[in-house]
Amino acid sequence: MSNLLEITRLCKHYRMGNDTVEVLKGIDLTIVPGTTTALVGASGAGKSTLLHLLGALDRPSSGAVVYRGQDLFSRSDRELADFRNRTIGFVFQFHHLLPEFSALENVVMPALIARMDQCSALQRATTLLEAVGLGHRIAHRPGELSGGEQQRVAIARALVMEPELLLADEPTGNLDARTSEAIYELLMTIQQQTGVSMVVVTHNERIAAGMEQMVRLCDGRITPCVMEEL
């Protein structure tokens, strides 16, 4: 089986005035299809930056991200946007739902952007909301939902295009412990049912330990060091 993602010598830096801030300093990483990976490390270690590069939300300063044998960043910005919409699902700490739309309308949005048949898109979105336990809340707007329910809507939205890769950036970081546990279990259940490859940024060592691969970042590099505090 070929690798889903192959990351080699990946670097990312930003200009801040006259200074250059190096965030990632030569990352090598492989993601196998259908597996789960946790990115852990202290705040500022480069976890979210790496996740954004894996999801083609930003371009690297140097190095390569190869997706199924093709250099991801050889594509134009328009091609990358289409790739993100069709191939990658994103779940963030803050759900980024559109407040004026219902749960169903939020979930169906990526499918409509991709010009999927409206009836098929609505059916798929409804099925996903039922799968995440919100079949009875599809007409509710985000402001009428709890934090955990909003995150479930965000998860359904991330899955509506049936992505090969699901990227989650601290998906439980804004929730209480009980709700966090429920969201984590939901993500793992979905991954097992669909076979989607999943990469999760988390400060929770227990959650990370449940993943098939744990990648620890320290000062922009992958390291085997044990962090005293995540």
C-alpha atoms as a PDB file:
ATOM      1  CA  MET A   1       0.000   0.000   0.000  1.00  0.00           C
ATOM      2  CA  SER A   2       1.381   3.405  -0.978  1.00  0.00           C
ATOM      3  CA  ASN A   3       1.638   6.153   1.623  1.00  0.00           C
ATOM      4  CA  LEU A   4      -1.041   8.781   1.800  1.00  0.00           C
ATOM      5  CA  LEU A   5       1.358  11.580   2.773  1.00  0.00           C
ATOM      6  CA  GLU A   6       5.138  11.803   2.664  1.00  0.00           C
ATOM      7  CA  ILE A   7       6.626  14.905   4.259  1.00  0.00           C
ATOM      8  CA  THR A   8      10.329  15.567   3.734  1.00  0.00           C
ATOM      9  CA  ARG A   9      12.567  18.346   5.136  1.00  0.00           C
ATOM     10  CA  LEU A  10       9.529  20.551   5.632  1.00  0.00           C
ATOM     11  CA  CYS A  11      10.337  24.074   6.834  1.00  0.00           C
ATOM     12  CA  LYS A  12       8.194  27.106   7.493  1.00  0.00           C
ATOM     13  CA  HIS A  13       9.310  30.563   8.504  1.00  0.00           C
ATOM     14  CA  TYR A  14       7.642  33.961   8.737  1.00  0.00           C
ATOM     15  CA  ARG A  15       8.998  37.467   8.383  1.00  0.00           C
ATOM     16  CA  MET A  16       8.244  39.754  11.323  1.00  0.00           C
ATOM     17  CA  GLY A  17       9.713  43.133  10.542  1.00  0.00           C
ATOM     18  CA  ASN A  18      13.432  42.605  10.070  1.00  0.00           C
ATOM     19  CA  ASP A  19      13.365  39.250  11.833  1.00  0.00           C
ATOM     20  CA  THR A  20      12.739  35.738  10.510  1.00  0.00           C
ATOM     21  CA  VAL A  21      10.834  33.391  12.798  1.00  0.00           C
ATOM     22  CA  GLU A  22      11.448  29.711  12.088  1.00  0.00           C
ATOM     23  CA  VAL A  23       8.413  27.628  13.066  1.00  0.00           C
ATOM     24  CA  LEU A  24       9.179  24.283  11.416  1.00  0.00           C
ATOM     25  CA  LYS A  25      12.793  23.212  10.963  1.00  0.00           C
ATOM     26  CA  GLY A  26      12.989  20.174   8.709  1.00  0.00           C
ATOM     27  CA  ILE A  27      10.084  17.823   9.394  1.00  0.00           C
ATOM     28  CA  ASP A  28      10.101  14.267   8.021  1.00  0.00           C
ATOM     29  CA  LEU A  29       6.862  12.340   8.464  1.00  0.00           C
ATOM     30  CA  THR A  30       4.833   9.607   6.783  1.00  0.00           C
ATOM     31  CA  ILE A  31       1.070   9.107   7.035  1.00  0.00           C
ATOM     32  CA  VAL A  32      -0.265   5.684   6.035  1.00  0.00           C
ATOM     33  CA  PRO A  33      -3.827   5.477   4.640  1.00  0.00           C
ATOM     34  CA  GLY A  34      -6.488   4.624   7.187  1.00  0.00           C
ATOM     35  CA  THR A  35      -4.380   5.366  10.278  1.00  0.00           C
ATOM     36  CA  THR A  36      -4.586   7.805  13.179  1.00  0.00           C
ATOM     37  CA  THR A  37      -1.787  10.210  14.123  1.00  0.00           C
ATOM     38  CA  ALA A  38      -1.519  12.528  17.121  1.00  0.00           C
ATOM     39  CA  LEU A  39       0.613  15.689  17.035  1.00  0.00           C
ATOM     40  CA  VAL A  40       1.659  16.659  20.551  1.00  0.00           C
ATOM     41  CA  GLY A  41       4.006  19.178  22.116  1.00  0.00           C
ATOM     42  CA  ALA A  42       4.088  22.421  24.057  1.00  0.00           C
ATOM     43  CA  SER A  43       2.327  25.534  22.813  1.00  0.00           C
ATOM     44  CA  GLY A  44       4.406  27.166  20.080  1.00  0.00           C
ATOM     45  CA  ALA A  45       6.099  23.916  19.051  1.00  0.00           C
ATOM     46  CA  GLY A  46       4.681  24.133  15.515  1.00  0.00           C
ATOM     47  CA  LYS A  47       1.790  21.644  15.709  1.00  0.00           C
ATOM     48  CA  SER A  48      -0.903  23.823  14.158  1.00  0.00           C
ATOM     49  CA  THR A  49       1.498  25.141  11.524  1.00  0.00           C
ATOM     50  CA  LEU A  50       2.320  21.588  10.484  1.00  0.00           C
ATOM     51  CA  LEU A  51      -1.376  20.691  10.357  1.00  0.00           C
ATOM     52  CA  HIS A  52      -2.090  23.713   8.149  1.00  0.00           C
ATOM     53  CA  LEU A  53       0.635  22.635   5.726  1.00  0.00           C
ATOM     54  CA  LEU A  54      -0.700  19.076   5.627  1.00  0.00           C
ATOM     55  CA  GLY A  55      -4.097  20.533   4.776  1.00  0.00           C
ATOM     56  CA  ALA A  56      -2.727  22.905   2.121  1.00  0.00           C
ATOM     57  CA  LEU A  57      -4.029  25.925   4.031  1.00  0.00           C
ATOM     58  CA  ASP A  58      -0.542  27.441   3.737  1.00  0.00           C
ATOM     59  CA  ARG A  59       2.536  26.803   1.599  1.00  0.00           C
ATOM     60  CA  PRO A  60       5.880  25.715   3.097  1.00  0.00           C
ATOM     61  CA  SER A  61       9.023  27.811   2.914  1.00  0.00           C
ATOM     62  CA  SER A  62      10.904  24.723   1.718  1.00  0.00           C
ATOM     63  CA  GLY A  63      10.583  20.967   1.680  1.00  0.00           C
ATOM     64  CA  ALA A  64       7.864  18.798   0.182  1.00  0.00           C
ATOM     65  CA  VAL A  65       4.427  17.420   1.011  1.00  0.00           C
ATOM     66  CA  VAL A  66       3.696  14.525  -1.333  1.00  0.00           C
ATOM     67  CA  TYR A  67       0.087  13.319  -1.455  1.00  0.00           C
ATOM     68  CA  ARG A  68      -0.365   9.902  -3.059  1.00  0.00           C
ATOM     69  CA  GLY A  69       2.832  10.359  -5.031  1.00  0.00           C
ATOM     70  CA  GLN A  70       2.216  13.939  -6.225  1.00  0.00           C
ATOM     71  CA  ASP A  71       3.863  17.077  -4.878  1.00  0.00           C
ATOM     72  CA  LEU A  72       0.937  18.842  -3.267  1.00  0.00           C
ATOM     73  CA  PHE A  73       2.332  22.340  -3.718  1.00  0.00           C
ATOM     74  CA  SER A  74       3.029  21.960  -7.424  1.00  0.00           C
ATOM     75  CA  ARG A  75      -0.660  22.840  -7.788  1.00  0.00           C
ATOM     76  CA  SER A  76      -2.046  26.330  -8.314  1.00  0.00           C
ATOM     77  CA  ASP A  77      -3.970  28.091  -5.554  1.00  0.00           C
ATOM     78  CA  ARG A  78      -7.254  27.281  -7.321  1.00  0.00           C
ATOM     79  CA  GLU A  79      -6.293  23.613  -7.629  1.00  0.00           C
ATOM     80  CA  LEU A  80      -5.329  23.539  -3.951  1.00  0.00           C
ATOM     81  CA  ALA A  81      -8.688  25.034  -2.974  1.00  0.00           C
ATOM     82  CA  ASP A  82     -10.512  22.342  -4.926  1.00  0.00           C
ATOM     83  CA  PHE A  83      -8.236  19.668  -3.428  1.00  0.00           C
ATOM     84  CA  ARG A  84      -8.981  20.873   0.109  1.00  0.00           C
ATOM     85  CA  ASN A  85     -12.716  20.884  -0.463  1.00  0.00           C
ATOM     86  CA  ARG A  86     -12.874  17.432  -2.008  1.00  0.00           C
ATOM     87  CA  THR A  87     -10.130  15.538  -0.203  1.00  0.00           C
ATOM     88  CA  ILE A  88      -9.599  16.986   3.280  1.00  0.00           C
ATOM     89  CA  GLY A  89     -11.950  17.520   6.201  1.00  0.00           C
ATOM     90  CA  PHE A  90     -11.070  20.103   8.874  1.00  0.00           C
ATOM     91  CA  VAL A  91     -12.211  20.280  12.491  1.00  0.00           C
ATOM     92  CA  PHE A  92     -10.925  23.176  14.593  1.00  0.00           C
ATOM     93  CA  GLN A  93     -11.053  24.036  18.290  1.00  0.00           C
ATOM     94  CA  PHE A  94     -13.580  26.748  17.472  1.00  0.00           C
ATOM     95  CA  HIS A  95     -16.199  25.274  15.185  1.00  0.00           C
ATOM     96  CA  HIS A  96     -16.426  28.205  12.706  1.00  0.00           C
ATOM     97  CA  LEU A  97     -20.071  27.492  11.910  1.00  0.00           C
ATOM     98  CA  LEU A  98     -22.072  30.129  10.070  1.00  0.00           C
ATOM     99  CA  PRO A  99     -24.438  31.513  12.736  1.00  0.00           C
ATOM    100  CA  GLU A 100     -27.236  32.507  10.362  1.00  0.00           C
ATOM    101  CA  PHE A 101     -27.605  28.996   8.937  1.00  0.00           C
ATOM    102  CA  SER A 102     -29.078  25.833  10.426  1.00  0.00           C
ATOM    103  CA  ALA A 103     -27.038  22.782  11.334  1.00  0.00           C
ATOM    104  CA  LEU A 104     -28.143  21.110   8.098  1.00  0.00           C
ATOM    105  CA  GLU A 105     -27.254  24.145   6.002  1.00  0.00           C
ATOM    106  CA  ASN A 106     -23.810  24.375   7.623  1.00  0.00           C
ATOM    107  CA  VAL A 107     -23.072  20.710   6.957  1.00  0.00           C
ATOM    108  CA  VAL A 108     -24.281  20.730   3.357  1.00  0.00           C
ATOM    109  CA  MET A 109     -22.306  23.875   2.409  1.00  0.00           C
ATOM    110  CA  PRO A 110     -19.055  22.174   1.202  1.00  0.00           C
ATOM    111  CA  ALA A 111     -21.061  19.793  -0.994  1.00  0.00           C
ATOM    112  CA  LEU A 112     -22.965  22.636  -2.601  1.00  0.00           C
ATOM    113  CA  ILE A 113     -19.709  24.533  -3.184  1.00  0.00           C
ATOM    114  CA  ALA A 114     -18.447  21.413  -4.973  1.00  0.00           C
ATOM    115  CA  ARG A 115     -21.641  21.510  -7.092  1.00  0.00           C
ATOM    116  CA  MET A 116     -22.977  18.215  -5.837  1.00  0.00           C
ATOM    117  CA  ASP A 117     -26.602  17.540  -6.716  1.00  0.00           C
ATOM    118  CA  GLN A 118     -28.645  19.337  -4.067  1.00  0.00           C
ATOM    119  CA  CYS A 119     -30.904  16.398  -3.194  1.00  0.00           C
ATOM    120  CA  SER A 120     -27.912  14.064  -2.825  1.00  0.00           C
ATOM    121  CA  ALA A 121     -26.031  16.648  -0.783  1.00  0.00           C
ATOM    122  CA  LEU A 122     -28.949  17.212   1.599  1.00  0.00           C
ATOM    123  CA  GLN A 123     -29.458  13.488   2.030  1.00  0.00           C
ATOM    124  CA  ARG A 124     -25.766  12.968   2.814  1.00  0.00           C
ATOM    125  CA  ALA A 125     -25.727  15.884   5.272  1.00  0.00           C
ATOM    126  CA  THR A 126     -28.848  14.612   7.027  1.00  0.00           C
ATOM    127  CA  THR A 127     -27.380  11.124   7.335  1.00  0.00           C
ATOM    128  CA  LEU A 128     -24.205  12.538   8.856  1.00  0.00           C
ATOM    129  CA  LEU A 129     -26.081  14.644  11.392  1.00  0.00           C
ATOM    130  CA  GLU A 130     -28.004  11.551  12.397  1.00  0.00           C
ATOM    131  CA  ALA A 131     -24.730   9.649  12.692  1.00  0.00           C
ATOM    132  CA  VAL A 132     -23.304  12.234  15.110  1.00  0.00           C
ATOM    133  CA  GLY A 133     -26.477  12.160  17.205  1.00  0.00           C
ATOM    134  CA  LEU A 134     -28.086  15.365  15.963  1.00  0.00           C
ATOM    135  CA  GLY A 135     -30.863  14.092  13.726  1.00  0.00           C
ATOM    136  CA  HIS A 136     -33.353  15.902  15.944  1.00  0.00           C
ATOM    137  CA  ARG A 137     -31.455  19.207  15.780  1.00  0.00           C
ATOM    138  CA  ILE A 138     -30.908  19.677  12.049  1.00  0.00           C
ATOM    139  CA  ALA A 139     -33.063  22.823  11.848  1.00  0.00           C
ATOM    140  CA  HIS A 140     -31.376  24.518  14.817  1.00  0.00           C
ATOM    141  CA  ARG A 141     -28.867  27.327  14.342  1.00  0.00           C
ATOM    142  CA  PRO A 142     -25.465  27.209  16.095  1.00  0.00           C
ATOM    143  CA  GLY A 143     -26.614  29.681  18.772  1.00  0.00           C
ATOM    144  CA  GLU A 144     -29.325  27.211  19.777  1.00  0.00           C
ATOM    145  CA  LEU A 145     -26.851  24.349  20.246  1.00  0.00           C
ATOM    146  CA  SER A 146     -24.458  23.503  23.074  1.00  0.00           C
ATOM    147  CA  GLY A 147     -20.695  23.623  22.547  1.00  0.00           C
ATOM    148  CA  GLY A 148     -20.523  19.865  22.130  1.00  0.00           C
ATOM    149  CA  GLU A 149     -23.412  19.887  19.664  1.00  0.00           C
ATOM    150  CA  GLN A 150     -21.772  22.629  17.637  1.00  0.00           C
ATOM    151  CA  GLN A 151     -18.586  20.585  17.430  1.00  0.00           C
ATOM    152  CA  ARG A 152     -20.614  17.573  16.270  1.00  0.00           C
ATOM    153  CA  VAL A 153     -22.043  19.732  13.482  1.00  0.00           C
ATOM    154  CA  ALA A 154     -18.496  20.769  12.571  1.00  0.00           C
ATOM    155  CA  ILE A 155     -17.438  17.110  12.432  1.00  0.00           C
ATOM    156  CA  ALA A 156     -20.377  16.260  10.177  1.00  0.00           C
ATOM    157  CA  ARG A 157     -19.468  19.195   7.924  1.00  0.00           C
ATOM    158  CA  ALA A 158     -15.863  17.969   7.736  1.00  0.00           C
ATOM    159  CA  LEU A 159     -17.086  14.551   6.565  1.00  0.00           C
ATOM    160  CA  VAL A 160     -19.748  15.569   4.051  1.00  0.00           C
ATOM    161  CA  MET A 161     -17.350  15.309   1.077  1.00  0.00           C
ATOM    162  CA  GLU A 162     -16.180  11.870   2.262  1.00  0.00           C
ATOM    163  CA  PRO A 163     -12.554  13.035   2.613  1.00  0.00           C
ATOM    164  CA  GLU A 164      -9.536  10.764   2.605  1.00  0.00           C
ATOM    165  CA  LEU A 165      -7.874  12.843   5.322  1.00  0.00           C
ATOM    166  CA  LEU A 166      -9.424  14.367   8.445  1.00  0.00           C
ATOM    167  CA  LEU A 167      -7.370  17.041  10.223  1.00  0.00           C
ATOM    168  CA  ALA A 168      -8.426  18.120  13.713  1.00  0.00           C
ATOM    169  CA  ASP A 169      -6.746  20.980  15.585  1.00  0.00           C
ATOM    170  CA  GLU A 170      -7.489  20.698  19.323  1.00  0.00           C
ATOM    171  CA  PRO A 171     -11.076  19.589  18.566  1.00  0.00           C
ATOM    172  CA  THR A 172     -11.888  19.190  22.278  1.00  0.00           C
ATOM    173  CA  GLY A 173      -9.802  22.068  23.619  1.00  0.00           C
ATOM    174  CA  ASN A 174     -12.779  24.399  24.142  1.00  0.00           C
ATOM    175  CA  LEU A 175     -15.017  21.793  25.815  1.00  0.00           C
ATOM    176  CA  ASP A 176     -15.460  20.436  29.324  1.00  0.00           C
ATOM    177  CA  ALA A 177     -13.936  17.075  30.223  1.00  0.00           C
ATOM    178  CA  ARG A 178     -17.108  15.026  29.775  1.00  0.00           C
ATOM    179  CA  THR A 179     -17.986  16.579  26.423  1.00  0.00           C
ATOM    180  CA  SER A 180     -14.356  16.269  25.290  1.00  0.00           C
ATOM    181  CA  GLU A 181     -14.446  12.544  25.983  1.00  0.00           C
ATOM    182  CA  ALA A 182     -17.660  12.162  23.972  1.00  0.00           C
ATOM    183  CA  ILE A 183     -16.233  14.080  21.001  1.00  0.00           C
ATOM    184  CA  TYR A 184     -13.025  12.056  21.089  1.00  0.00           C
ATOM    185  CA  GLU A 185     -14.980   8.788  21.140  1.00  0.00           C
ATOM    186  CA  LEU A 186     -17.126  10.044  18.251  1.00  0.00           C
ATOM    187  CA  LEU A 187     -14.048  10.854  16.164  1.00  0.00           C
ATOM    188  CA  MET A 188     -12.542   7.430  16.815  1.00  0.00           C
ATOM    189  CA  THR A 189     -15.816   5.679  15.969  1.00  0.00           C
ATOM    190  CA  ILE A 190     -16.114   7.604  12.713  1.00  0.00           C
ATOM    191  CA  GLN A 191     -12.511   6.804  11.831  1.00  0.00           C
ATOM    192  CA  GLN A 192     -13.044   3.097  12.441  1.00  0.00           C
ATOM    193  CA  GLN A 193     -16.279   3.066  10.432  1.00  0.00           C
ATOM    194  CA  THR A 194     -15.041   5.077   7.451  1.00  0.00           C
ATOM    195  CA  GLY A 195     -11.320   4.290   7.361  1.00  0.00           C
ATOM    196  CA  VAL A 196     -10.495   7.986   6.961  1.00  0.00           C
ATOM    197  CA  SER A 197      -6.894   8.894   7.789  1.00  0.00           C
ATOM    198  CA  MET A 198      -6.907  11.191  10.809  1.00  0.00           C
ATOM    199  CA  VAL A 199      -4.318  13.612  12.198  1.00  0.00           C
ATOM    200  CA  VAL A 200      -5.187  15.266  15.508  1.00  0.00           C
ATOM    201  CA  VAL A 201      -3.368  18.078  17.324  1.00  0.00           C
ATOM    202  CA  THR A 202      -3.930  17.605  21.043  1.00  0.00           C
ATOM    203  CA  HIS A 203      -2.493  18.519  24.423  1.00  0.00           C
ATOM    204  CA  ASN A 204      -4.185  15.478  25.919  1.00  0.00           C
ATOM    205  CA  GLU A 205      -1.636  12.670  26.333  1.00  0.00           C
ATOM    206  CA  ARG A 206      -4.353  10.096  27.007  1.00  0.00           C
ATOM    207  CA  ILE A 207      -6.080  10.906  23.734  1.00  0.00           C
ATOM    208  CA  ALA A 208      -2.731  10.869  21.924  1.00  0.00           C
ATOM    209  CA  ALA A 209      -1.877   7.476  23.396  1.00  0.00           C
ATOM    210  CA  GLY A 210      -4.987   6.049  21.732  1.00  0.00           C
ATOM    211  CA  MET A 211      -3.690   6.952  18.268  1.00  0.00           C
ATOM    212  CA  GLU A 212      -1.646   4.567  16.150  1.00  0.00           C
ATOM    213  CA  GLN A 213       1.176   7.090  15.741  1.00  0.00           C
ATOM    214  CA  MET A 214       2.262   9.815  18.145  1.00  0.00           C
ATOM    215  CA  VAL A 215       4.465  12.608  16.775  1.00  0.00           C
ATOM    216  CA  ARG A 216       6.014  14.929  19.342  1.00  0.00           C
ATOM    217  CA  LEU A 217       7.123  18.372  18.232  1.00  0.00           C
ATOM    218  CA  CYS A 218       9.633  20.441  20.183  1.00  0.00           C
ATOM    219  CA  ASP A 219      10.880  23.805  18.892  1.00  0.00           C
ATOM    220  CA  GLY A 220       9.841  23.049  15.317  1.00  0.00           C
ATOM    221  CA  ARG A 221      11.373  19.588  15.143  1.00  0.00           C
ATOM    222  CA  ILE A 222      10.144  16.053  15.694  1.00  0.00           C
ATOM    223  CA  THR A 223      11.762  14.764  18.843  1.00  0.00           C
ATOM    224  CA  PRO A 224      11.569  11.689  21.079  1.00  0.00           C
ATOM    225  CA  CYS A 225      12.011  13.880  24.170  1.00  0.00           C
ATOM    226  CA  VAL A 226       9.431  13.576  26.934  1.00  0.00           C
ATOM    227  CA  MET A 227       7.737  16.893  27.618  1.00  0.00           C
ATOM    228  CA  GLU A 228       7.000  17.611  31.265  1.00  0.00           C
ATOM    229  CA  GLU A 229       3.971  19.683  30.371  1.00  0.00           C
ATOM    230  CA  LEU A 230       1.894  19.555  27.200  1.00  0.00           C
END
